[in-house]
């Protein structure tokens, strides 16, 4: 799981002020909706946004809900496309 995804997961539970200032996107919003429950069920023992949450999600990837897995994939694709556009400038 990327650091960006870990930061987004922190946003999903509303505890990352720096990330919450980031621009919203459809994929980010879908990730927030789809993965909050997975965070609460699997990784809520850890502070949102920390390296422990990233490791927890990585460890539990096979246990994530289908909606969360789909949202993660969509978010990664969006981030990759955004990076390509930024690099082209």
N, C-alpha and C. Protein backbone atom coordinates (compact mmCIF):
# COMPACT_ATOMS: atom_id res chain seq x y z
N UNK A 1 0.85 -1.17 0.00
CA UNK A 1 0.00 0.00 0.00
C UNK A 1 0.90 1.23 0.00
N UNK A 2 0.55 2.18 -0.82
CA UNK A 2 1.36 3.38 -0.91
C UNK A 2 1.12 4.31 0.26
N UNK A 3 2.06 5.22 0.47
CA UNK A 3 1.89 6.22 1.53
C UNK A 3 0.69 7.10 1.22
N UNK A 4 0.45 7.35 -0.06
CA UNK A 4 -0.70 8.16 -0.43
C UNK A 4 -1.98 7.46 -0.02
N UNK A 5 -2.06 6.16 -0.22
CA UNK A 5 -3.24 5.42 0.18
C UNK A 5 -3.42 5.44 1.68
N UNK A 6 -2.33 5.29 2.42
CA UNK A 6 -2.42 5.34 3.88
C UNK A 6 -2.94 6.70 4.33
N UNK A 7 -2.46 7.75 3.69
CA UNK A 7 -2.95 9.09 4.04
C UNK A 7 -4.42 9.23 3.70
N UNK A 8 -4.83 8.66 2.59
CA UNK A 8 -6.24 8.72 2.22
C UNK A 8 -7.10 7.96 3.21
N UNK A 9 -6.61 6.84 3.67
CA UNK A 9 -7.36 6.07 4.66
C UNK A 9 -7.50 6.87 5.95
N UNK A 10 -6.51 7.66 6.27
CA UNK A 10 -6.63 8.54 7.43
C UNK A 10 -7.74 9.54 7.20
N UNK A 11 -7.83 10.05 5.99
CA UNK A 11 -8.91 10.97 5.64
C UNK A 11 -10.25 10.28 5.81
N UNK A 12 -10.31 9.02 5.46
CA UNK A 12 -11.57 8.28 5.54
C UNK A 12 -12.14 8.27 6.94
N UNK A 13 -11.31 8.34 7.92
CA UNK A 13 -11.81 8.37 9.30
C UNK A 13 -11.75 9.78 9.87
N UNK A 14 -11.39 10.73 9.04
CA UNK A 14 -11.46 12.13 9.42
C UNK A 14 -10.42 12.61 10.41
N UNK A 15 -9.25 12.00 10.41
CA UNK A 15 -8.27 12.38 11.42
C UNK A 15 -6.95 12.87 10.84
N UNK A 16 -6.95 13.28 9.61
CA UNK A 16 -5.72 13.77 9.01
C UNK A 16 -5.95 15.17 8.47
N UNK A 17 -5.78 16.19 9.30
CA UNK A 17 -6.06 17.55 8.87
C UNK A 17 -5.33 17.96 7.60
N UNK A 18 -4.09 17.60 7.44
CA UNK A 18 -3.35 18.00 6.24
C UNK A 18 -3.95 17.36 5.00
N UNK A 19 -4.34 16.12 5.10
CA UNK A 19 -4.92 15.44 3.96
C UNK A 19 -6.32 15.98 3.68
N UNK A 20 -7.05 16.33 4.72
CA UNK A 20 -8.41 16.81 4.51
C UNK A 20 -8.44 18.11 3.73
N UNK A 21 -7.30 18.79 3.66
CA UNK A 21 -7.22 20.00 2.87
C UNK A 21 -7.00 19.70 1.39
N UNK A 22 -6.65 18.45 1.10
CA UNK A 22 -6.38 18.07 -0.28
C UNK A 22 -7.67 18.13 -1.10
N UNK A 23 -7.49 18.35 -2.40
CA UNK A 23 -8.62 18.43 -3.30
C UNK A 23 -9.36 17.10 -3.36
N UNK A 24 -10.66 17.18 -3.36
CA UNK A 24 -11.49 15.98 -3.43
C UNK A 24 -11.55 15.49 -4.87
N UNK A 25 -11.82 14.19 -5.03
CA UNK A 25 -11.98 13.61 -6.35
C UNK A 25 -12.98 12.47 -6.22
N UNK A 26 -13.57 12.04 -7.33
CA UNK A 26 -14.52 10.93 -7.25
C UNK A 26 -13.89 9.66 -6.65
N UNK A 27 -12.66 9.37 -7.05
CA UNK A 27 -12.01 8.16 -6.52
C UNK A 27 -11.71 8.30 -5.03
N UNK A 28 -11.30 9.48 -4.60
CA UNK A 28 -11.02 9.73 -3.19
C UNK A 28 -12.31 9.60 -2.36
N UNK A 29 -13.38 10.16 -2.89
CA UNK A 29 -14.66 10.08 -2.19
C UNK A 29 -15.14 8.63 -2.10
N UNK A 30 -14.96 7.87 -3.18
CA UNK A 30 -15.35 6.45 -3.18
C UNK A 30 -14.52 5.67 -2.18
N UNK A 31 -13.24 5.98 -2.10
CA UNK A 31 -12.36 5.30 -1.15
C UNK A 31 -12.81 5.58 0.28
N UNK A 32 -13.14 6.82 0.53
CA UNK A 32 -13.61 7.20 1.86
C UNK A 32 -14.87 6.41 2.23
N UNK A 33 -15.82 6.37 1.31
CA UNK A 33 -17.07 5.64 1.59
C UNK A 33 -16.83 4.14 1.74
N UNK A 34 -16.03 3.58 0.86
CA UNK A 34 -15.89 2.13 0.79
C UNK A 34 -14.97 1.54 1.85
N UNK A 35 -13.98 2.30 2.33
CA UNK A 35 -12.95 1.71 3.19
C UNK A 35 -13.04 2.08 4.66
N UNK A 36 -13.91 2.98 5.01
CA UNK A 36 -14.01 3.37 6.42
C UNK A 36 -14.37 2.16 7.29
N UNK A 37 -15.32 1.37 6.85
CA UNK A 37 -15.71 0.18 7.62
C UNK A 37 -14.57 -0.82 7.77
N UNK A 38 -13.80 -0.99 6.70
CA UNK A 38 -12.66 -1.90 6.76
C UNK A 38 -11.62 -1.39 7.77
N UNK A 39 -11.40 -0.09 7.75
CA UNK A 39 -10.47 0.48 8.74
C UNK A 39 -10.99 0.21 10.15
N UNK A 40 -12.26 0.49 10.36
CA UNK A 40 -12.83 0.32 11.70
C UNK A 40 -12.76 -1.14 12.15
N UNK A 41 -13.03 -2.06 11.23
CA UNK A 41 -13.04 -3.48 11.57
C UNK A 41 -11.65 -4.07 11.73
N UNK A 42 -10.73 -3.68 10.87
CA UNK A 42 -9.44 -4.35 10.81
C UNK A 42 -8.28 -3.59 11.44
N UNK A 43 -8.34 -2.27 11.44
CA UNK A 43 -7.14 -1.50 11.77
C UNK A 43 -7.37 -0.36 12.76
N UNK A 44 -8.52 -0.32 13.39
CA UNK A 44 -8.84 0.83 14.26
C UNK A 44 -8.02 0.86 15.55
N UNK A 45 -7.24 -0.16 15.80
CA UNK A 45 -6.34 -0.14 16.95
C UNK A 45 -5.19 0.85 16.74
N UNK A 46 -5.03 1.30 15.51
CA UNK A 46 -3.91 2.17 15.16
C UNK A 46 -4.41 3.56 14.80
N UNK A 47 -3.61 4.55 15.11
CA UNK A 47 -3.95 5.93 14.78
C UNK A 47 -4.01 6.09 13.26
N UNK A 48 -5.04 6.75 12.75
CA UNK A 48 -5.17 6.93 11.31
C UNK A 48 -3.98 7.67 10.73
N UNK A 49 -3.56 7.20 9.56
CA UNK A 49 -2.49 7.88 8.84
C UNK A 49 -1.08 7.46 9.21
N UNK A 50 -0.96 6.68 10.27
CA UNK A 50 0.36 6.27 10.70
C UNK A 50 0.86 5.07 9.93
N UNK A 51 2.13 4.76 10.09
CA UNK A 51 2.70 3.61 9.38
C UNK A 51 2.06 2.28 9.82
N UNK A 52 1.53 2.26 11.03
CA UNK A 52 0.89 1.04 11.52
C UNK A 52 -0.37 0.73 10.72
N UNK A 53 -1.12 1.79 10.35
CA UNK A 53 -2.34 1.58 9.56
C UNK A 53 -1.97 1.08 8.17
N UNK A 54 -0.96 1.67 7.59
CA UNK A 54 -0.51 1.22 6.27
C UNK A 54 -0.14 -0.27 6.33
N UNK A 55 0.61 -0.65 7.34
CA UNK A 55 1.00 -2.05 7.49
C UNK A 55 -0.21 -2.94 7.73
N UNK A 56 -1.16 -2.46 8.52
CA UNK A 56 -2.37 -3.23 8.81
C UNK A 56 -3.16 -3.49 7.53
N UNK A 57 -3.37 -2.46 6.72
CA UNK A 57 -4.10 -2.66 5.47
C UNK A 57 -3.34 -3.59 4.54
N UNK A 58 -2.03 -3.44 4.48
CA UNK A 58 -1.22 -4.31 3.62
C UNK A 58 -1.37 -5.77 4.08
N UNK A 59 -1.31 -5.98 5.38
CA UNK A 59 -1.44 -7.33 5.93
C UNK A 59 -2.82 -7.92 5.67
N UNK A 60 -3.84 -7.07 5.69
CA UNK A 60 -5.22 -7.54 5.58
C UNK A 60 -5.83 -7.34 4.20
N UNK A 61 -5.02 -7.15 3.17
CA UNK A 61 -5.55 -6.89 1.83
C UNK A 61 -6.58 -7.94 1.40
N UNK A 62 -6.36 -9.18 1.72
CA UNK A 62 -7.28 -10.24 1.30
C UNK A 62 -8.58 -10.22 2.09
N UNK A 63 -8.60 -9.53 3.21
CA UNK A 63 -9.79 -9.44 4.04
C UNK A 63 -10.64 -8.21 3.75
N UNK A 64 -10.13 -7.30 2.93
CA UNK A 64 -10.86 -6.08 2.63
C UNK A 64 -12.14 -6.40 1.87
N UNK A 65 -13.14 -5.58 2.09
CA UNK A 65 -14.40 -5.76 1.37
C UNK A 65 -14.17 -5.56 -0.12
N UNK A 66 -15.00 -6.20 -0.94
CA UNK A 66 -14.85 -6.00 -2.39
C UNK A 66 -14.96 -4.53 -2.79
N UNK A 67 -15.86 -3.79 -2.15
CA UNK A 67 -16.01 -2.37 -2.47
C UNK A 67 -14.74 -1.59 -2.15
N UNK A 68 -14.12 -1.90 -1.02
CA UNK A 68 -12.89 -1.20 -0.65
C UNK A 68 -11.76 -1.56 -1.62
N UNK A 69 -11.64 -2.82 -1.95
CA UNK A 69 -10.60 -3.24 -2.90
C UNK A 69 -10.78 -2.54 -4.25
N UNK A 70 -12.02 -2.45 -4.72
CA UNK A 70 -12.31 -1.78 -5.97
C UNK A 70 -11.97 -0.30 -5.88
N UNK A 71 -12.32 0.31 -4.76
CA UNK A 71 -12.04 1.74 -4.56
C UNK A 71 -10.54 2.01 -4.51
N UNK A 72 -9.79 1.12 -3.89
CA UNK A 72 -8.33 1.27 -3.84
C UNK A 72 -7.75 1.21 -5.25
N UNK A 73 -8.21 0.26 -6.04
CA UNK A 73 -7.73 0.13 -7.42
C UNK A 73 -8.05 1.38 -8.22
N UNK A 74 -9.27 1.88 -8.10
CA UNK A 74 -9.66 3.09 -8.83
C UNK A 74 -8.84 4.29 -8.38
N UNK A 75 -8.59 4.40 -7.09
CA UNK A 75 -7.80 5.52 -6.58
C UNK A 75 -6.37 5.46 -7.11
N UNK A 76 -5.79 4.27 -7.10
CA UNK A 76 -4.42 4.13 -7.62
C UNK A 76 -4.35 4.53 -9.09
N UNK A 77 -5.34 4.12 -9.88
CA UNK A 77 -5.37 4.49 -11.30
C UNK A 77 -5.49 6.00 -11.45
N UNK A 78 -6.34 6.63 -10.65
CA UNK A 78 -6.50 8.08 -10.73
C UNK A 78 -5.19 8.78 -10.37
N UNK A 79 -4.52 8.31 -9.32
CA UNK A 79 -3.26 8.93 -8.91
C UNK A 79 -2.20 8.76 -9.98
N UNK A 80 -2.16 7.61 -10.62
CA UNK A 80 -1.19 7.38 -11.68
C UNK A 80 -1.45 8.32 -12.85
N UNK A 81 -2.72 8.49 -13.23
CA UNK A 81 -3.07 9.38 -14.32
C UNK A 81 -2.75 10.83 -13.96
N UNK A 82 -2.99 11.22 -12.72
CA UNK A 82 -2.70 12.57 -12.26
C UNK A 82 -1.20 12.84 -12.32
N UNK A 83 -0.40 11.87 -11.90
CA UNK A 83 1.05 12.03 -11.96
C UNK A 83 1.52 12.20 -13.40
N UNK A 84 0.94 11.42 -14.34
CA UNK A 84 1.35 11.54 -15.74
C UNK A 84 1.04 12.93 -16.28
N UNK A 85 -0.12 13.46 -15.93
CA UNK A 85 -0.50 14.81 -16.39
C UNK A 85 0.45 15.84 -15.80
N UNK A 86 0.76 15.69 -14.51
CA UNK A 86 1.66 16.64 -13.85
C UNK A 86 3.06 16.59 -14.45
N UNK A 87 3.53 15.40 -14.78
CA UNK A 87 4.86 15.26 -15.35
C UNK A 87 4.92 15.81 -16.78
N UNK A 88 3.81 15.80 -17.48
CA UNK A 88 3.78 16.28 -18.86
C UNK A 88 3.85 17.80 -18.95
N UNK A 89 3.59 18.46 -17.86
CA UNK A 89 3.57 19.93 -17.88
C UNK A 89 4.94 20.48 -17.86
